Amino acid sequence: MRIENEIKLDYKDVLIRPKRSTLKSRKDVSLRRTYRFRNSKQAWTGIPIMAANMDGVGTFKMTEALSSYEMFTCLNKHYDPEEWHVNHALVDLNYTALSIGSDWQTFLETSRRIILKHDLKWLCIDIANGYSEHFADFIKRVRELHPNINIIAGNVVTADMTQELILAGADIVKVGIGPGSVCTTRIQTGVGYPQLSAVIECADAAHGLGGHIVADGGCTCPGDVAKAFAAGADFVMLGGMLAGHTEGGGELIHKCYRGDEMETTEYGDRIGPLYQEKTFVQFYGMSSDTAMKKHAGGVANYRSSEGRTLEIPFKGNVANTISDILGGLRSTCTYVGAPSLKQLSKCATFIRCTQQFNSVFLK
């Protein structure tokens, strides 16, 4: 056993210091990036924000919506070949990844069929524990079969494993263990790493090899997305921030709540309290008992649930949320004098803080 005494930071622990800027308007900021990937040798251009491969987020409808902004979606793992066939017209292959686990037989029998049939350009190899020895071996085998496909792989949170996955064949390493809004891994296992420090350290390791990373989890607002990019992330993956929208699907849940106001007659006589209807959508982690019951028949007796199941407010179309995120990101760039997202990490200075914002009127 050993203890590392160096302070590690999360998004909530810092703010970005403003600097003198020559930019006159947010509209002058470019958020598009162009990357060339180390192992696939392919190039990509777009706004590097990804929808997570979760139920209610990584859907065909979501990739249809986000690709119109040149934003990316990792589809959830549970779409079968027939669903890919039916929804293929919705998919822009430049901005969509097939998500898989690390079972080789399943990859050969199902996933590879989808890749070859639809000539896919992106693959997201996603397991909870990217430190498993077989994971790097799996990435190597996939890379040998598909030398030109762009591979996203994770999750890890340290520099050494980031480099190992890149050397195994990954183009983009997914960084984050436990920071997600519906993830309980840190509670169940005690394992994790503060997300801002993880992004800084893994980005530095990846960039030294010519690789890339995606900061996965922990963003609660547009300011956190900006902090992730400022910390060196090449992409930022969002789950909770993109959950609860029409494009995510899911059954709408309607509930009535008693309000503080009273209903009155035309003469001012009180009749009773006013009730307000609110609409919710179920959102859950992909290691939750809800997800495992849906996709695996239940929680296996050798493991526990590592995710929450929540009812979150229904947010309508995702366009409004996208506008909010992109507007905030452009504003960050103007505050630090970055003419483009590419320049943000070079212009950013973090300052440690004890409070991010005034929460007196937040319920």
Protein backbone atom coordinates (compact mmCIF):
# COMPACT_ATOMS: atom_id res chain seq x y z
CA MET A 1 0.00 0.00 0.00
CA ARG A 2 1.16 3.53 -0.76
CA ILE A 3 -0.32 7.02 -0.66
CA GLU A 4 0.19 9.68 -3.31
CA ASN A 5 0.13 13.08 -1.65
CA GLU A 6 -0.03 15.20 -4.80
CA ILE A 7 -3.35 17.05 -5.00
CA LYS A 8 -5.68 15.85 -7.74
CA LEU A 9 -8.48 18.10 -8.98
CA ASP A 10 -12.01 17.82 -10.35
CA TYR A 11 -13.92 20.30 -12.52
CA LYS A 12 -15.57 21.78 -9.42
CA ASP A 13 -12.16 22.59 -7.90
CA VAL A 14 -11.07 25.15 -10.50
CA LEU A 15 -12.10 28.15 -12.55
CA ILE A 16 -10.49 29.46 -15.75
CA ARG A 17 -8.78 32.82 -15.31
CA PRO A 18 -9.89 35.49 -17.82
CA LYS A 19 -7.23 37.13 -19.98
CA ARG A 20 -7.00 40.08 -22.31
CA SER A 21 -8.71 39.26 -25.61
CA THR A 22 -8.80 40.81 -29.07
CA LEU A 23 -11.99 38.93 -29.99
CA LYS A 24 -15.00 41.18 -30.52
CA SER A 25 -17.73 38.55 -30.51
CA ARG A 26 -18.45 34.91 -29.72
CA LYS A 27 -19.36 34.40 -33.38
CA ASP A 28 -15.69 34.91 -34.27
CA VAL A 29 -14.71 31.70 -32.45
CA SER A 30 -14.32 28.47 -34.45
CA LEU A 31 -15.21 25.25 -32.63
CA ARG A 32 -14.34 22.91 -35.51
CA ARG A 33 -11.27 20.74 -35.15
CA THR A 34 -9.39 18.61 -37.65
CA TYR A 35 -7.54 15.56 -36.35
CA ARG A 36 -5.41 12.92 -38.04
CA PHE A 37 -5.31 9.73 -36.03
CA ARG A 38 -2.13 7.90 -35.15
CA ASN A 39 -3.11 4.32 -35.92
CA SER A 40 -5.90 4.48 -38.50
CA LYS A 41 -4.12 7.27 -40.44
CA GLN A 42 -7.57 8.75 -41.10
CA ALA A 43 -8.54 12.44 -40.81
CA TRP A 44 -11.70 13.83 -39.20
CA THR A 45 -13.20 17.32 -39.04
CA GLY A 46 -16.06 18.45 -36.81
CA ILE A 47 -17.03 19.78 -33.39
CA PRO A 48 -15.43 17.26 -31.00
CA ILE A 49 -18.32 16.68 -28.59
CA MET A 50 -19.64 13.11 -28.32
CA ALA A 51 -22.90 11.65 -27.08
CA ALA A 52 -22.16 8.73 -24.75
CA ASN A 53 -22.98 5.15 -25.71
CA MET A 54 -25.81 4.90 -23.17
CA ASP A 55 -29.48 3.99 -23.40
CA GLY A 56 -31.42 7.23 -23.84
CA VAL A 57 -28.36 9.07 -25.21
CA GLY A 58 -26.53 7.02 -27.84
CA THR A 59 -29.48 6.47 -30.20
CA PHE A 60 -29.98 6.61 -33.96
CA LYS A 61 -32.19 9.69 -33.54
CA MET A 62 -29.44 11.36 -31.49
CA THR A 63 -26.78 10.76 -34.13
CA GLU A 64 -29.15 12.14 -36.77
CA ALA A 65 -29.56 15.33 -34.71
CA LEU A 66 -25.92 15.78 -33.63
CA SER A 67 -24.38 15.03 -37.01
CA SER A 68 -26.21 18.05 -38.44
CA TYR A 69 -23.95 20.12 -36.12
CA GLU A 70 -20.90 18.00 -37.08
CA MET A 71 -21.02 16.51 -33.57
CA PHE A 72 -20.43 12.87 -32.75
CA THR A 73 -22.47 9.98 -31.29
CA CYS A 74 -21.31 6.64 -29.93
CA LEU A 75 -24.35 4.42 -30.34
CA ASN A 76 -25.22 2.14 -27.43
CA LYS A 77 -23.97 -1.44 -27.59
CA HIS A 78 -27.34 -3.11 -27.85
CA TYR A 79 -28.42 -2.37 -31.41
CA ASP A 80 -28.47 -5.59 -33.42
CA PRO A 81 -27.68 -5.95 -37.17
CA GLU A 82 -31.35 -5.66 -38.10
CA GLU A 83 -31.73 -2.34 -36.25
CA TRP A 84 -28.61 -1.07 -38.02
CA HIS A 85 -30.14 -2.10 -41.34
CA VAL A 86 -33.45 -0.34 -40.62
CA ASN A 87 -31.85 2.87 -39.33
CA HIS A 88 -28.87 3.05 -41.67
CA ALA A 89 -30.35 6.01 -43.57
CA LEU A 90 -30.19 8.12 -40.39
CA VAL A 91 -26.47 7.53 -39.89
CA ASP A 92 -23.72 9.86 -41.07
CA LEU A 93 -20.73 7.52 -40.84
CA ASN A 94 -18.33 10.42 -40.22
CA TYR A 95 -20.03 11.18 -36.91
CA THR A 96 -21.21 7.78 -35.66
CA ALA A 97 -19.48 4.90 -33.90
CA LEU A 98 -20.58 1.31 -33.34
CA SER A 99 -20.03 0.44 -29.67
CA ILE A 100 -18.93 -3.02 -28.57
CA GLY A 101 -17.57 -4.86 -25.54
CA SER A 102 -14.48 -7.07 -25.51
CA ASP A 103 -15.91 -10.53 -26.23
CA TRP A 104 -14.07 -11.85 -29.30
CA GLN A 105 -16.72 -14.32 -30.40
CA THR A 106 -19.46 -11.68 -30.27
CA PHE A 107 -17.22 -9.34 -32.25
CA LEU A 108 -16.69 -11.92 -35.00
CA GLU A 109 -20.31 -13.07 -35.16
CA THR A 110 -22.14 -9.75 -34.85
CA SER A 111 -20.07 -6.58 -34.66
CA ARG A 112 -17.77 -7.37 -37.58
CA ARG A 113 -20.77 -8.14 -39.77
CA ILE A 114 -22.15 -4.65 -39.08
CA ILE A 115 -18.75 -3.02 -39.74
CA LEU A 116 -18.27 -4.76 -43.08
CA LYS A 117 -21.86 -4.49 -44.29
CA HIS A 118 -22.14 -0.75 -43.63
CA ASP A 119 -18.47 0.14 -44.22
CA LEU A 120 -18.23 1.79 -40.78
CA LYS A 121 -15.46 4.28 -40.06
CA TRP A 122 -15.67 4.33 -36.26
CA LEU A 123 -15.62 1.72 -33.49
CA CYS A 124 -15.96 2.37 -29.76
CA ILE A 125 -14.57 -0.50 -27.66
CA ASP A 126 -16.01 0.16 -24.23
CA ILE A 127 -15.55 -1.72 -20.96
CA ALA A 128 -15.77 -0.42 -17.40
CA ASN A 129 -12.25 -1.50 -16.46
CA GLY A 130 -9.75 -0.67 -19.18
CA TYR A 131 -6.94 -2.01 -17.01
CA SER A 132 -7.81 -5.65 -17.75
CA GLU A 133 -4.91 -7.34 -19.54
CA HIS A 134 -7.17 -8.90 -22.15
CA PHE A 135 -8.50 -5.46 -23.17
CA ALA A 136 -5.25 -4.29 -24.80
CA ASP A 137 -4.95 -7.69 -26.50
CA PHE A 138 -8.50 -7.35 -27.84
CA ILE A 139 -7.70 -3.89 -29.28
CA LYS A 140 -4.61 -5.35 -31.02
CA ARG A 141 -6.67 -8.11 -32.63
CA VAL A 142 -9.33 -5.66 -33.83
CA ARG A 143 -6.66 -3.35 -35.24
CA GLU A 144 -5.11 -6.22 -37.18
CA LEU A 145 -8.48 -7.04 -38.79
CA HIS A 146 -9.44 -3.41 -39.42
CA PRO A 147 -6.28 -1.33 -39.94
CA ASN A 148 -8.14 1.75 -41.22
CA ILE A 149 -11.01 2.04 -38.78
CA ASN A 150 -10.90 4.76 -36.10
CA ILE A 151 -10.88 3.07 -32.67
CA ILE A 152 -12.10 4.72 -29.45
CA ALA A 153 -11.21 2.60 -26.40
CA GLY A 154 -11.49 2.81 -22.63
CA ASN A 155 -12.03 3.58 -19.86
CA VAL A 156 -8.79 4.44 -18.04
CA VAL A 157 -7.57 7.37 -15.95
CA THR A 158 -3.77 7.16 -15.86
CA ALA A 159 -0.97 8.05 -18.24
CA ASP A 160 0.63 4.60 -18.39
CA MET A 161 -2.54 2.80 -19.47
CA THR A 162 -3.44 5.59 -21.91
CA GLN A 163 -0.15 4.98 -23.67
CA GLU A 164 -0.58 1.20 -23.59
CA LEU A 165 -3.99 1.39 -25.30
CA ILE A 166 -2.63 3.74 -27.97
CA LEU A 167 0.31 1.44 -28.62
CA ALA A 168 -2.15 -1.47 -28.83
CA GLY A 169 -4.00 0.28 -31.64
CA ALA A 170 -6.48 2.77 -30.14
CA ASP A 171 -6.72 6.19 -31.78
CA ILE A 172 -8.71 7.86 -28.99
CA VAL A 173 -8.61 6.73 -25.35
CA LYS A 174 -11.70 7.21 -23.21
CA VAL A 175 -10.73 8.81 -19.88
CA GLY A 176 -12.93 8.60 -16.79
CA ILE A 177 -13.72 6.10 -14.03
CA GLY A 178 -16.65 7.00 -11.82
CA PRO A 179 -17.33 10.69 -12.58
CA GLY A 180 -20.66 10.16 -14.38
CA SER A 181 -23.95 11.42 -12.94
CA VAL A 182 -25.49 7.91 -12.81
CA CYS A 183 -22.28 5.99 -12.07
CA THR A 184 -21.73 4.52 -8.59
CA THR A 185 -18.39 2.81 -9.22
CA ARG A 186 -16.60 5.02 -6.69
CA ILE A 187 -19.24 4.21 -4.06
CA GLN A 188 -19.25 0.47 -4.74
CA THR A 189 -15.52 -0.02 -5.25
CA GLY A 190 -13.64 3.00 -3.90
CA VAL A 191 -11.85 3.21 -7.25
CA GLY A 192 -11.55 6.37 -9.36
CA TYR A 193 -9.54 9.50 -10.15
CA PRO A 194 -10.56 13.18 -10.07
CA GLN A 195 -11.58 13.91 -13.62
CA LEU A 196 -9.74 17.18 -14.34
CA SER A 197 -6.39 15.73 -13.26
CA ALA A 198 -7.10 12.52 -15.16
CA VAL A 199 -7.73 14.52 -18.35
CA ILE A 200 -4.60 16.64 -17.92
CA GLU A 201 -2.33 13.65 -17.28
CA CYS A 202 -3.82 11.32 -19.90
CA ALA A 203 -3.90 14.04 -22.57
CA ASP A 204 -0.22 14.75 -21.98
CA ALA A 205 0.60 11.05 -22.27
CA ALA A 206 -1.50 10.55 -25.40
CA HIS A 207 -0.24 13.63 -27.22
CA GLY A 208 3.36 12.54 -26.62
CA LEU A 209 2.61 9.49 -28.77
CA GLY A 210 0.53 11.33 -31.35
CA GLY A 211 -2.69 9.89 -29.87
CA HIS A 212 -5.89 11.52 -28.64
CA ILE A 213 -8.26 11.29 -25.67
CA VAL A 214 -11.92 11.86 -24.95
CA ALA A 215 -12.90 13.15 -21.50
CA ASP A 216 -15.79 10.87 -20.54
CA GLY A 217 -18.06 11.88 -17.67
CA GLY A 218 -18.26 14.49 -14.94
CA CYS A 219 -19.59 17.45 -16.97
CA THR A 220 -22.63 19.03 -15.34
CA CYS A 221 -22.78 22.31 -17.28
CA PRO A 222 -21.23 24.02 -20.33
CA GLY A 223 -18.47 25.41 -18.11
CA ASP A 224 -17.29 21.88 -17.30
CA VAL A 225 -17.13 21.08 -21.02
CA ALA A 226 -14.91 24.13 -21.47
CA LYS A 227 -12.68 23.05 -18.58
CA ALA A 228 -12.24 19.60 -20.13
CA PHE A 229 -11.09 21.10 -23.43
CA ALA A 230 -8.89 23.60 -21.59
CA ALA A 231 -7.28 20.67 -19.75
CA GLY A 232 -6.22 19.15 -23.07
CA ALA A 233 -9.09 16.84 -24.04
CA ASP A 234 -9.42 16.35 -27.78
CA PHE A 235 -13.05 15.25 -27.44
CA VAL A 236 -15.59 15.53 -24.61
CA MET A 237 -18.21 12.82 -24.12
CA LEU A 238 -21.56 13.71 -22.52
CA GLY A 239 -24.16 11.46 -20.96
CA GLY A 240 -26.34 13.21 -18.41
CA MET A 241 -26.21 16.56 -20.20
CA LEU A 242 -27.68 14.96 -23.34
CA ALA A 243 -30.14 12.70 -21.51
CA GLY A 244 -33.85 13.43 -21.22
CA HIS A 245 -34.37 14.67 -24.78
CA THR A 246 -36.81 13.61 -27.47
CA GLU A 247 -33.99 12.08 -29.52
CA GLY A 248 -33.05 9.74 -26.67
CA GLY A 249 -36.37 7.94 -26.82
CA GLY A 250 -37.78 6.35 -23.69
CA GLU A 251 -41.26 6.45 -22.21
CA LEU A 252 -42.45 9.81 -20.88
CA ILE A 253 -43.50 9.77 -17.23
CA HIS A 254 -46.15 12.31 -16.19
CA LYS A 255 -46.53 13.36 -12.56
CA CYS A 256 -48.64 15.99 -10.78
CA TYR A 257 -47.26 18.11 -7.96
CA ARG A 258 -49.07 20.32 -5.50
CA GLY A 259 -47.93 23.92 -5.88
CA ASP A 260 -47.79 26.83 -3.43
CA GLU A 261 -50.49 28.83 -5.25
CA MET A 262 -54.23 28.42 -4.62
CA GLU A 263 -56.96 28.11 -7.24
CA THR A 264 -59.73 30.69 -6.70
CA THR A 265 -63.19 31.45 -8.06
CA GLU A 266 -63.95 34.56 -10.11
CA TYR A 267 -65.03 36.18 -6.82
CA GLY A 268 -61.72 35.44 -5.11
CA ASP A 269 -62.90 32.53 -2.99
CA ARG A 270 -60.29 29.83 -2.51
CA ILE A 271 -61.11 26.42 -3.98
CA GLY A 272 -57.91 24.51 -3.27
CA PRO A 273 -54.26 24.18 -4.22
CA LEU A 274 -53.15 24.36 -7.82
CA TYR A 275 -51.47 21.25 -9.21
CA GLN A 276 -48.76 21.30 -11.85
CA GLU A 277 -47.98 18.44 -14.23
CA LYS A 278 -44.31 17.69 -14.87
CA THR A 279 -42.82 15.25 -17.38
CA PHE A 280 -39.83 13.00 -16.77
CA VAL A 281 -37.76 10.37 -18.58
CA GLN A 282 -35.95 7.44 -17.01
CA PHE A 283 -32.14 7.66 -17.15
CA TYR A 284 -29.77 5.02 -15.83
CA GLY A 285 -26.15 3.97 -15.83
CA MET A 286 -25.16 1.11 -18.11
CA SER A 287 -23.86 -0.88 -15.11
CA SER A 288 -27.07 -0.32 -13.15
CA ASP A 289 -29.48 -3.10 -12.23
CA THR A 290 -31.99 -1.50 -14.64
CA ALA A 291 -29.59 -1.83 -17.59
CA MET A 292 -28.51 -5.34 -16.64
CA LYS A 293 -32.11 -6.53 -16.27
CA LYS A 294 -32.94 -5.03 -19.67
CA HIS A 295 -29.94 -6.35 -21.58
CA ALA A 296 -28.59 -9.32 -19.60
CA GLY A 297 -31.60 -10.68 -17.74
CA GLY A 298 -30.44 -9.38 -14.38
CA VAL A 299 -27.43 -8.72 -12.17
CA ALA A 300 -25.05 -11.69 -12.15
CA ASN A 301 -24.45 -13.21 -8.71
CA TYR A 302 -20.73 -12.40 -8.83
CA ARG A 303 -21.16 -8.63 -9.21
CA SER A 304 -23.14 -5.66 -7.95
CA SER A 305 -24.90 -2.77 -9.61
CA GLU A 306 -22.59 0.19 -10.26
CA GLY A 307 -25.15 2.66 -11.57
CA ARG A 308 -28.17 4.70 -10.53
CA THR A 309 -31.64 4.79 -12.04
CA LEU A 310 -33.26 8.23 -12.04
CA GLU A 311 -36.26 10.07 -13.42
CA ILE A 312 -34.95 13.30 -14.93
CA PRO A 313 -36.99 16.22 -16.30
CA PHE A 314 -37.93 15.89 -19.96
CA LYS A 315 -36.04 18.57 -21.91
CA GLY A 316 -37.65 18.42 -25.36
CA ASN A 317 -35.52 18.60 -28.50
CA VAL A 318 -31.77 18.39 -28.03
CA ALA A 319 -31.18 21.48 -30.22
CA ASN A 320 -31.67 23.89 -27.30
CA THR A 321 -29.13 22.05 -25.14
CA ILE A 322 -26.61 21.94 -27.99
CA SER A 323 -27.02 25.67 -28.50
CA ASP A 324 -26.39 26.24 -24.79
CA ILE A 325 -23.23 24.10 -24.76
CA LEU A 326 -21.73 25.55 -27.93
CA GLY A 327 -22.59 29.11 -26.89
CA GLY A 328 -20.90 28.61 -23.54
CA LEU A 329 -17.83 27.14 -25.18
CA ARG A 330 -17.50 30.07 -27.57
CA SER A 331 -17.88 32.45 -24.65
CA THR A 332 -15.07 30.69 -22.75
CA CYS A 333 -12.79 31.20 -25.74
CA THR A 334 -13.55 34.93 -25.83
CA TYR A 335 -12.76 35.27 -22.11
CA VAL A 336 -9.25 33.86 -22.58
CA GLY A 337 -8.49 35.25 -26.03
CA ALA A 338 -8.64 31.94 -27.91
CA PRO A 339 -9.78 32.47 -31.53
CA SER A 340 -10.55 28.75 -31.88
CA LEU A 341 -11.16 25.67 -29.78
CA LYS A 342 -7.74 24.43 -30.87
CA GLN A 343 -6.12 27.37 -29.05
CA LEU A 344 -8.16 27.06 -25.83
CA SER A 345 -5.77 24.79 -23.91
CA LYS A 346 -2.84 27.01 -24.87
CA CYS A 347 -4.62 30.13 -23.58
CA ALA A 348 -6.15 28.66 -20.41
CA THR A 349 -4.87 29.04 -16.87
CA PHE A 350 -6.70 27.23 -14.07
CA ILE A 351 -7.04 28.72 -10.62
CA ARG A 352 -8.07 26.60 -7.66
CA CYS A 353 -11.21 27.71 -5.87
CA THR A 354 -13.49 26.73 -3.00
CA GLN A 355 -16.73 27.84 -4.71
CA GLN A 356 -17.60 27.92 -8.41
CA PHE A 357 -20.73 30.05 -8.30
CA ASN A 358 -23.35 31.65 -6.05
CA SER A 359 -25.98 29.00 -5.36
CA VAL A 360 -28.28 30.97 -3.03
CA PHE A 361 -31.31 30.76 -5.36
CA LEU A 362 -30.71 27.21 -6.58
CA LYS A 363 -33.24 24.67 -5.33
